[in-house]
C-alpha cells in the first residue's frame, strides 16, 4: 500500500521524537541524577557592600553590653553513680542513693564518707559559704514516704559535710523533694536509679557573703 504524504510526515515526527528521547535533553545532560532538583546551584554568592547604611549603627546608637553565656559542663562517671555539673556560677554534685545508703535507709554506708569528703574539699577550694543539700527519690512508693526519706538522706549528707568542713561560716539549705524534679525516666530501673539521688550545690569561686549558721 502506498504511503500518503500525511503518513510520511507522521512517521518523520515519531523518528525525531524517539531520537530526542534516546539522546536526552541537552540542557540536563550533565546533571547528577543523585542530586535532588534545586539542591545544586552554580550561581555566584551575592556581593555585599561593606559601606551599606544597613550594616552601620544609626547616629547616636551604641552596641548592647557584652553578655557572657552560661556554659554548663557535665562529667559523669562510667556507672552514672556520681555526676558533676559546672556552670559559670555554680558547682553541683549529684550522688546516686545506692552509693550513699542501703535500700530504703538514710544511714550512710562506709564508702559514702570518702565521696562526701571529696565534695567538702571542693567546697573549700571554691571558698563557698552557702551550700544546698537536696534529696530526691523515684516515683515508687507513696509521695509522703519519699518526702520523709529524701529529707532524712539530705540531712545525713549535710551532717557529714558539716563535720568534714569543720566550719561555722557556712550556711546550709537542706531539703527533701521526694519524686519531684526527676532527671531521668521513671519507667525504667536505670532511670529511677538516677532519680534516687542527693545533690550538693554551691557557688563557684567566690564567697556569697551569707550570714553564718545552719538551717534545715
Protein backbone atom coordinates (compact mmCIF):
# COMPACT_ATOMS: atom_id res chain seq x y z
CA UNK A 1 0.00 0.00 0.00
CA UNK A 2 1.43 3.42 -0.95
CA UNK A 3 2.16 5.88 1.84
CA UNK A 4 0.41 9.19 1.64
CA UNK A 5 2.22 12.45 2.33
CA UNK A 6 0.30 12.76 5.60
CA UNK A 7 1.53 9.33 6.78
CA UNK A 8 5.11 10.20 5.81
CA UNK A 9 5.06 13.38 7.95
CA UNK A 10 3.70 11.43 10.90
CA UNK A 11 6.47 8.83 10.72
CA UNK A 12 9.12 11.55 10.44
CA UNK A 13 7.80 13.22 13.60
CA UNK A 14 7.89 9.92 15.50
CA UNK A 15 11.51 9.31 14.44
CA UNK A 16 12.55 12.78 15.62
CA UNK A 17 10.74 12.30 18.97
CA UNK A 18 12.41 8.91 19.52
CA UNK A 19 15.82 10.41 18.78
CA UNK A 20 15.33 13.18 21.35
CA UNK A 21 14.20 10.63 23.93
CA UNK A 22 17.29 8.49 23.46
CA UNK A 23 19.73 11.39 23.48
CA UNK A 24 18.09 13.16 26.39
CA UNK A 25 17.60 16.84 26.94
CA UNK A 26 20.96 18.54 26.17
CA UNK A 27 20.26 21.15 28.86
CA UNK A 28 20.27 18.40 31.57
CA UNK A 29 22.83 16.01 30.07
CA UNK A 30 25.46 16.79 32.75
CA UNK A 31 23.09 16.82 35.77
CA UNK A 32 23.98 14.40 38.59
CA UNK A 33 20.92 12.12 38.89
CA UNK A 34 21.62 11.53 42.60
CA UNK A 35 21.24 15.22 43.46
CA UNK A 36 17.66 16.39 44.16
CA UNK A 37 16.42 19.10 41.81
CA UNK A 38 17.30 22.55 43.08
CA UNK A 39 19.88 21.32 45.60
CA UNK A 40 22.89 22.29 43.49
CA UNK A 41 23.49 25.75 42.17
CA UNK A 42 26.32 27.35 40.28
CA UNK A 43 25.16 30.90 40.95
CA UNK A 44 27.88 33.10 42.45
CA UNK A 45 27.32 34.36 46.03
CA UNK A 46 25.71 37.80 46.28
CA UNK A 47 28.05 40.73 46.69
CA UNK A 48 27.87 42.62 49.99
CA UNK A 49 28.57 46.33 50.11
CA UNK A 50 30.61 46.93 53.25
CA UNK A 51 29.57 50.60 53.16
CA UNK A 52 25.85 49.87 53.05
CA UNK A 53 23.90 52.04 55.55
CA UNK A 54 22.02 48.92 56.64
CA UNK A 55 25.24 47.47 58.06
CA UNK A 56 26.07 50.51 60.17
CA UNK A 57 24.75 51.75 63.51
CA UNK A 58 22.43 54.68 63.30
CA UNK A 59 23.71 58.04 64.54
CA UNK A 60 23.80 58.04 68.33
CA UNK A 61 23.26 54.28 68.62
CA UNK A 62 25.55 52.10 70.73
CA UNK A 63 26.20 48.39 70.93
CA UNK A 64 24.42 46.43 73.66
CA UNK A 65 26.59 45.42 76.63
CA UNK A 66 28.52 42.21 76.14
CA UNK A 67 26.77 39.17 77.61
CA UNK A 68 28.57 36.15 78.99
CA UNK A 69 26.71 32.99 78.09
CA UNK A 70 26.27 30.43 80.84
CA UNK A 71 28.15 27.31 79.77
CA UNK A 72 27.41 24.04 81.53
CA UNK A 73 29.97 21.26 81.81
CA UNK A 74 28.70 17.83 82.87
CA UNK A 75 31.01 14.99 83.89
CA UNK A 76 29.54 11.63 84.91
CA UNK A 77 31.42 8.52 85.96
CA UNK A 78 31.06 5.35 83.93
CA UNK A 79 28.36 3.84 86.12
CA UNK A 80 26.47 7.09 86.49
CA UNK A 81 26.87 6.90 90.27
CA UNK A 82 28.29 10.40 90.51
CA UNK A 83 27.77 13.42 88.30
CA UNK A 84 29.36 16.86 88.44
CA UNK A 85 27.89 19.92 86.73
CA UNK A 86 29.83 23.18 86.42
CA UNK A 87 28.32 26.45 85.25
CA UNK A 88 29.66 29.98 85.36
CA UNK A 89 28.05 30.46 88.75
CA UNK A 90 27.59 27.09 90.49
CA UNK A 91 29.02 23.63 91.05
CA UNK A 92 26.63 20.71 91.59
CA UNK A 93 27.47 17.18 92.67
CA UNK A 94 24.78 14.51 92.30
CA UNK A 95 25.33 11.21 94.08
CA UNK A 96 23.03 8.26 93.49
CA UNK A 97 21.41 6.97 96.67
CA UNK A 98 22.82 3.47 96.10
CA UNK A 99 26.38 4.68 96.66
CA UNK A 100 25.42 6.52 99.85
CA UNK A 101 22.77 4.46 101.62
CA UNK A 102 21.37 0.94 101.96
CA UNK A 103 17.98 0.41 100.34
CA UNK A 104 15.19 2.49 101.90
CA UNK A 105 17.60 3.82 104.53
CA UNK A 106 19.06 7.18 105.49
CA UNK A 107 22.13 5.76 107.26
CA UNK A 108 25.33 6.46 105.35
CA UNK A 109 27.39 3.46 104.34
CA UNK A 110 31.19 3.44 104.87
CA UNK A 111 32.00 4.19 101.22
CA UNK A 112 29.86 7.33 101.28
CA UNK A 113 32.22 9.20 103.57
CA UNK A 114 35.08 9.36 101.08
CA UNK A 115 32.75 10.68 98.37
CA UNK A 116 31.35 13.35 100.69
CA UNK A 117 34.88 14.27 101.78
CA UNK A 118 35.81 14.91 98.14
CA UNK A 119 32.83 17.27 97.85
CA UNK A 120 33.87 19.04 101.06
CA UNK A 121 37.36 19.53 99.62
CA UNK A 122 35.84 21.17 96.53
CA UNK A 123 33.65 23.43 98.67
CA UNK A 124 36.79 24.60 100.45
CA UNK A 125 38.60 25.12 97.14
CA UNK A 126 35.73 27.29 95.86
CA UNK A 127 35.57 29.27 99.14
CA UNK A 128 31.82 28.73 99.22
CA UNK A 129 29.84 29.95 102.23
CA UNK A 130 26.41 28.71 101.13
CA UNK A 131 25.68 25.07 100.35
CA UNK A 132 22.40 23.49 99.25
CA UNK A 133 21.83 19.81 100.00
CA UNK A 134 18.71 18.41 98.31
CA UNK A 135 17.42 14.84 98.43
CA UNK A 136 15.28 13.13 95.76
CA UNK A 137 13.62 9.74 95.30
CA UNK A 138 11.99 7.87 92.41
CA UNK A 139 8.22 7.56 91.99
CA UNK A 140 7.89 4.15 93.63
CA UNK A 141 6.03 4.10 96.94
CA UNK A 142 3.98 6.95 98.34
CA UNK A 143 4.89 10.59 97.87
CA UNK A 144 4.81 11.15 101.64
CA UNK A 145 7.28 8.34 102.28
CA UNK A 146 9.57 9.69 99.57
CA UNK A 147 9.38 13.15 101.09
CA UNK A 148 10.48 11.86 104.50
CA UNK A 149 13.21 9.62 103.10
CA UNK A 150 14.65 12.26 100.77
CA UNK A 151 14.78 14.81 103.61
CA UNK A 152 16.48 12.40 106.01
CA UNK A 153 19.05 11.46 103.37
CA UNK A 154 19.78 15.12 102.65
CA UNK A 155 20.22 15.73 106.37
CA UNK A 156 22.61 12.78 106.68
CA UNK A 157 24.78 14.15 103.86
CA UNK A 158 24.60 17.61 105.43
CA UNK A 159 25.80 16.28 108.79
CA UNK A 160 28.76 14.53 107.20
CA UNK A 161 29.61 17.56 105.08
CA UNK A 162 29.48 19.89 108.08
CA UNK A 163 31.79 17.59 110.01
CA UNK A 164 34.22 17.36 107.10
CA UNK A 165 34.25 21.12 106.57
CA UNK A 166 34.64 21.91 110.26
CA UNK A 167 33.47 25.49 109.71
CA UNK A 168 30.67 27.54 111.25
CA UNK A 169 30.86 30.14 108.46
CA UNK A 170 28.83 28.07 106.01
CA UNK A 171 25.06 28.33 105.67
CA UNK A 172 23.31 25.14 104.64
CA UNK A 173 19.92 24.79 102.98
CA UNK A 174 18.67 21.23 103.40
CA UNK A 175 15.52 19.95 101.70
CA UNK A 176 13.83 16.77 100.52
CA UNK A 177 11.73 16.74 97.35
CA UNK A 178 10.51 13.14 97.13
CA UNK A 179 9.88 12.26 93.45
CA UNK A 180 9.73 15.88 92.26
CA UNK A 181 12.30 17.13 89.73
CA UNK A 182 13.34 13.82 88.12
CA UNK A 183 16.39 13.92 85.84
CA UNK A 184 15.59 10.63 84.09
CA UNK A 185 12.65 8.49 83.04
CA UNK A 186 11.00 6.74 85.99
CA UNK A 187 9.64 3.96 83.75
CA UNK A 188 12.97 2.09 83.80
CA UNK A 189 15.14 0.96 86.71
CA UNK A 190 18.11 2.75 85.17
CA UNK A 191 16.18 6.00 85.17
CA UNK A 192 14.82 5.51 88.68
CA UNK A 193 18.35 4.87 89.94
CA UNK A 194 19.44 8.25 88.59
CA UNK A 195 16.45 9.95 90.20
CA UNK A 196 17.25 8.47 93.63
CA UNK A 197 19.98 10.93 94.49
CA UNK A 198 21.35 13.66 96.75
CA UNK A 199 22.56 16.87 95.14
CA UNK A 200 25.06 19.27 96.69
CA UNK A 201 25.25 22.72 95.09
CA UNK A 202 27.38 25.74 95.98
CA UNK A 203 28.58 28.98 94.34
CA UNK A 204 31.61 28.77 92.13
CA UNK A 205 34.81 30.52 93.07
CA UNK A 206 33.58 33.28 95.38
CA UNK A 207 32.03 33.80 98.79
CA UNK A 208 28.34 34.68 98.75
CA UNK A 209 28.54 36.76 101.91
CA UNK A 210 25.69 34.89 103.57
CA UNK A 211 25.39 35.03 107.37
CA UNK A 212 26.76 32.21 109.44
CA UNK A 213 24.60 29.40 110.69
CA UNK A 214 22.84 26.24 109.66
CA UNK A 215 19.20 25.94 108.76
CA UNK A 216 17.16 22.93 107.78
